[in-house]
Protein backbone atom coordinates (compact mmCIF):
# COMPACT_ATOMS: atom_id res chain seq x y z
CA MET A 1 61.29 -9.41 -33.45
CA PRO A 2 59.75 -6.08 -33.83
CA MET A 3 56.62 -8.18 -35.43
CA ILE A 4 56.76 -10.59 -33.02
CA ARG A 5 56.20 -8.03 -30.28
CA SER A 6 53.69 -6.03 -32.05
CA ARG A 7 51.19 -9.50 -32.13
CA ILE A 8 51.88 -9.85 -28.49
CA LEU A 9 51.06 -6.57 -27.83
CA SER A 10 47.62 -6.48 -30.11
CA MET A 11 47.12 -10.25 -28.53
CA ALA A 12 47.13 -8.27 -24.87
CA ALA A 13 45.26 -5.34 -26.29
CA LEU A 14 42.46 -7.60 -27.39
CA LEU A 15 42.14 -9.84 -24.21
CA LEU A 16 41.98 -6.40 -22.15
CA PHE A 17 38.81 -5.38 -24.16
CA GLN A 18 37.36 -8.84 -24.15
CA THR A 19 37.92 -9.05 -20.55
CA ALA A 20 36.05 -5.22 -20.01
CA ALA A 21 33.07 -6.33 -22.25
CA VAL A 22 32.25 -9.52 -19.87
CA PHE A 23 32.67 -7.74 -16.64
CA ALA A 24 30.39 -4.32 -18.41
CA GLN A 25 27.80 -7.10 -19.06
CA GLN A 26 27.56 -8.32 -15.61
CA PRO A 27 25.39 -5.92 -13.34
CA ALA A 28 27.19 -4.19 -10.58
CA ALA A 29 27.01 -5.49 -6.81
CA VAL A 30 23.86 -4.72 -4.87
CA PRO A 31 24.60 -3.47 -1.67
CA PRO A 32 23.34 -5.40 1.13
CA PHE A 33 21.20 -2.40 2.52
CA VAL A 34 19.69 -2.13 -1.08
CA ALA A 35 18.87 -5.68 -0.92
CA ARG A 36 16.97 -5.81 2.22
CA GLY A 37 14.51 -3.52 0.36
CA GLN A 38 13.94 -5.17 -3.14
CA PRO A 39 10.08 -6.40 -3.28
CA GLY A 40 9.61 -9.89 -2.06
CA PRO A 41 6.63 -12.31 -0.43
CA GLY A 42 4.91 -9.41 0.89
CA HIS A 43 4.84 -7.74 -2.23
CA GLN A 44 4.03 -10.49 -4.35
CA ALA A 45 0.78 -11.09 -2.02
CA MET A 46 0.05 -7.63 -2.68
CA GLN A 47 -0.50 -8.14 -6.48
CA MET A 48 -3.85 -9.47 -6.29
CA LEU A 49 -4.88 -5.77 -5.20
CA ALA A 50 -3.12 -4.30 -8.06
CA GLY A 51 -5.63 -3.09 -11.08
CA GLU A 52 -8.67 -1.18 -11.52
CA TRP A 53 -11.91 -1.97 -9.45
CA ASP A 54 -15.72 -1.19 -8.88
CA VAL A 55 -16.28 -0.51 -5.29
CA GLU A 56 -19.48 -0.80 -2.78
CA MET A 57 -18.51 1.76 0.25
CA THR A 58 -20.96 1.20 3.24
CA LEU A 59 -20.26 4.29 5.56
CA TYR A 60 -21.98 3.34 9.07
CA VAL A 61 -20.35 6.74 10.37
CA GLY A 62 -21.02 10.70 9.51
CA GLY A 63 -20.69 12.81 12.41
CA ARG A 64 -22.45 10.13 14.29
CA ILE A 65 -23.22 6.94 14.30
CA LEU A 66 -25.59 6.52 11.64
CA GLU A 67 -29.08 4.62 12.27
CA ARG A 68 -29.10 3.93 8.51
CA PRO A 69 -26.08 3.42 6.52
CA VAL A 70 -25.05 5.13 3.52
CA THR A 71 -23.83 2.55 0.48
CA SER A 72 -21.88 4.56 -2.56
CA ARG A 73 -20.73 3.55 -5.48
CA LEU A 74 -17.10 4.20 -6.45
CA ARG A 75 -13.83 3.57 -8.57
CA THR A 76 -10.62 2.91 -7.23
CA THR A 77 -6.99 2.53 -9.80
CA ARG A 78 -3.94 0.49 -7.80
CA ILE A 79 -0.82 0.89 -9.41
CA TRP A 80 2.68 -0.25 -8.88
CA ILE A 81 5.04 2.60 -7.56
CA ALA A 82 8.96 2.84 -6.62
CA GLY A 83 10.08 0.35 -8.57
CA GLY A 84 7.13 -2.47 -7.35
CA ARG A 85 7.49 -1.30 -3.79
CA TYR A 86 4.53 0.22 -3.12
CA LEU A 87 1.08 0.18 -4.18
CA ARG A 88 -0.90 3.49 -5.11
CA ASP A 89 -4.38 3.63 -4.28
CA GLU A 90 -7.00 6.53 -5.91
CA THR A 91 -10.61 6.14 -5.58
CA ARG A 92 -13.45 8.49 -6.44
CA GLY A 93 -16.96 9.03 -6.91
CA ASP A 94 -19.72 10.47 -5.87
CA THR A 95 -21.74 9.96 -2.58
CA PRO A 96 -25.09 11.88 -0.96
CA SER A 97 -22.75 13.81 0.90
CA GLY A 98 -21.09 15.35 -1.93
CA PRO A 99 -17.71 14.07 -3.91
CA TYR A 100 -15.65 11.17 -2.64
CA TYR A 101 -12.05 11.02 -3.04
CA ARG A 102 -8.79 9.24 -1.51
CA MET A 103 -5.46 8.64 -2.23
CA GLY A 104 -3.64 5.71 0.00
CA THR A 105 0.00 3.99 -0.81
CA LEU A 106 0.30 0.27 0.98
CA GLY A 107 3.65 -1.41 1.17
CA TYR A 108 5.45 -3.83 2.71
CA SER A 109 8.29 -3.54 5.49
CA ASN A 110 10.66 -6.47 4.74
CA MET A 111 12.27 -5.21 7.72
CA ASP A 112 9.18 -5.42 10.12
CA ARG A 113 7.49 -8.24 8.11
CA ARG A 114 4.14 -6.22 8.35
CA TYR A 115 1.79 -4.46 6.49
CA GLU A 116 1.48 -0.50 6.12
CA TRP A 117 -1.08 2.01 4.78
CA VAL A 118 -1.40 5.69 4.75
CA THR A 119 -4.45 7.56 3.66
CA GLN A 120 -5.28 10.75 2.66
CA ASP A 121 -8.97 12.09 2.34
CA ALA A 122 -11.01 15.06 1.44
CA VAL A 123 -13.06 15.05 4.49
CA ASN A 124 -10.39 14.62 6.92
CA SER A 125 -6.66 16.95 7.61
CA MET A 126 -4.71 14.68 9.02
CA MET A 127 -3.47 11.36 7.18
CA MET A 128 -4.64 8.42 8.40
CA ILE A 129 -1.71 5.69 9.24
CA TYR A 130 -1.73 2.13 10.13
CA LEU A 131 0.77 -0.34 11.07
CA GLY A 132 0.43 -3.85 11.36
CA ARG A 133 2.18 -5.38 14.34
CA PRO A 134 5.58 -7.13 13.73
CA GLY A 135 6.28 -10.58 11.88
CA SER A 136 2.61 -10.64 11.06
CA GLY A 137 3.03 -10.87 7.26
CA PRO A 138 3.59 -11.39 4.44
CA SER A 139 -0.18 -13.20 4.91
CA PHE A 140 -3.51 -11.95 4.47
CA PRO A 141 -5.91 -11.15 5.50
CA ALA A 142 -3.91 -8.03 6.92
CA THR A 143 -4.99 -6.05 9.92
CA MET A 144 -3.15 -2.77 10.68
CA TYR A 145 -3.42 -0.28 13.55
CA GLY A 146 -3.19 3.35 14.25
CA GLN A 147 -4.99 6.37 16.08
CA PHE A 148 -6.09 9.61 15.09
CA THR A 149 -7.45 12.81 16.66
CA ASP A 150 -11.33 13.02 15.67
CA GLN A 151 -12.63 16.11 14.30
CA GLY A 152 -16.19 15.26 14.98
CA LEU A 153 -16.93 11.95 13.21
CA LEU A 154 -18.81 10.48 15.62
CA GLY A 155 -20.32 13.69 17.32
CA GLU A 156 -19.01 16.93 18.82
CA ARG A 157 -18.51 15.69 22.59
CA PHE A 158 -15.70 13.22 20.67
CA VAL A 159 -13.87 16.59 18.68
CA GLY A 160 -10.07 16.61 19.57
CA ARG A 161 -10.12 13.12 21.39
CA ARG A 162 -7.98 10.38 20.37
CA PHE A 163 -9.61 7.18 18.71
CA ALA A 164 -7.84 3.80 18.37
CA GLN A 165 -8.51 2.24 14.53
CA ARG A 166 -7.81 -0.79 13.06
CA THR A 167 -8.09 -1.50 9.21
CA VAL A 168 -8.44 -4.91 8.29
CA ILE A 169 -7.77 -5.85 4.15
CA THR A 170 -9.57 -9.27 3.05
CA ILE A 171 -8.85 -11.21 -0.28
CA ALA A 172 -11.28 -13.33 -1.26
CA ASP A 173 -9.37 -14.44 -4.79
CA ALA A 174 -8.25 -12.33 -7.52
CA ASP A 175 -11.14 -10.66 -8.42
CA HIS A 176 -12.88 -9.74 -4.96
CA HIS A 177 -11.65 -8.21 -2.04
CA THR A 178 -12.47 -5.58 1.12
CA ILE A 179 -11.11 -2.99 3.48
CA GLU A 180 -12.52 -2.79 6.54
CA ILE A 181 -11.93 0.63 9.29
CA TYR A 182 -13.00 -0.10 12.66
CA PHE A 183 -13.09 3.09 15.01
CA THR A 184 -12.66 2.50 19.27
CA PRO A 185 -13.64 5.81 20.61
CA PRO A 186 -12.44 6.78 24.34
CA GLY A 187 -13.96 4.95 26.57
CA GLY A 188 -16.09 2.92 23.94
CA ARG A 189 -16.64 -0.34 22.07
CA GLU A 190 -15.22 -0.69 18.88
CA ILE A 191 -17.84 -0.32 15.98
CA LEU A 192 -17.42 -0.63 12.34
CA ALA A 193 -16.96 2.74 10.44
CA ASP A 194 -16.41 1.55 7.16
CA ARG A 195 -16.68 -1.22 4.32
CA LYS A 196 -15.57 -0.95 1.00
CA VAL A 197 -16.62 -4.06 -1.01
CA TYR A 198 -14.09 -4.41 -4.19
CA THR A 199 -15.06 -6.11 -7.66
CA ARG A 200 -12.06 -5.97 -10.52
CA ARG A 201 -13.74 -4.14 -13.75
CA ARG A 202 -13.54 -6.31 -16.59
């Protein structure tokens, strides 16, 4: 009898061990609020923007509306961060007026179904924040809107005034896309301020 009891206990222990091993191999259930933040179709569409890029930037404003737009050659690097939820964009280069630097973060809101874009640069002291219209994603072109307080990009008479702004990202194919920035001064018409043409580096 003691031998039978010992065998039963051994088999029970083995069964418990095997059951625990099976459960240990299964991933923990993801809470619904976390699942809703997982990368999805909008992030998949952004994949064509990742990587290394040669950039042709044309500026149409610079303290005023320029009679002759200024073109410069830049380089952009975009990498995924936060588990594939955001693309971090870093652009550097030289322009006739000095070094150029801009950092940005592009994301897609699953809840609002729109693209969102925030940039910081070496000219403005404020961050530029652009939001797409709710429900406008996940397809491209992506159009995003925002406002900023001007520090004189279009001339001294506009300092301290609020501008509407619009950014449009258009993807031609996996190796080519453009980003355009438009400004609307108070009481004025919308103007193209900045156009960047991206070609994937080989």
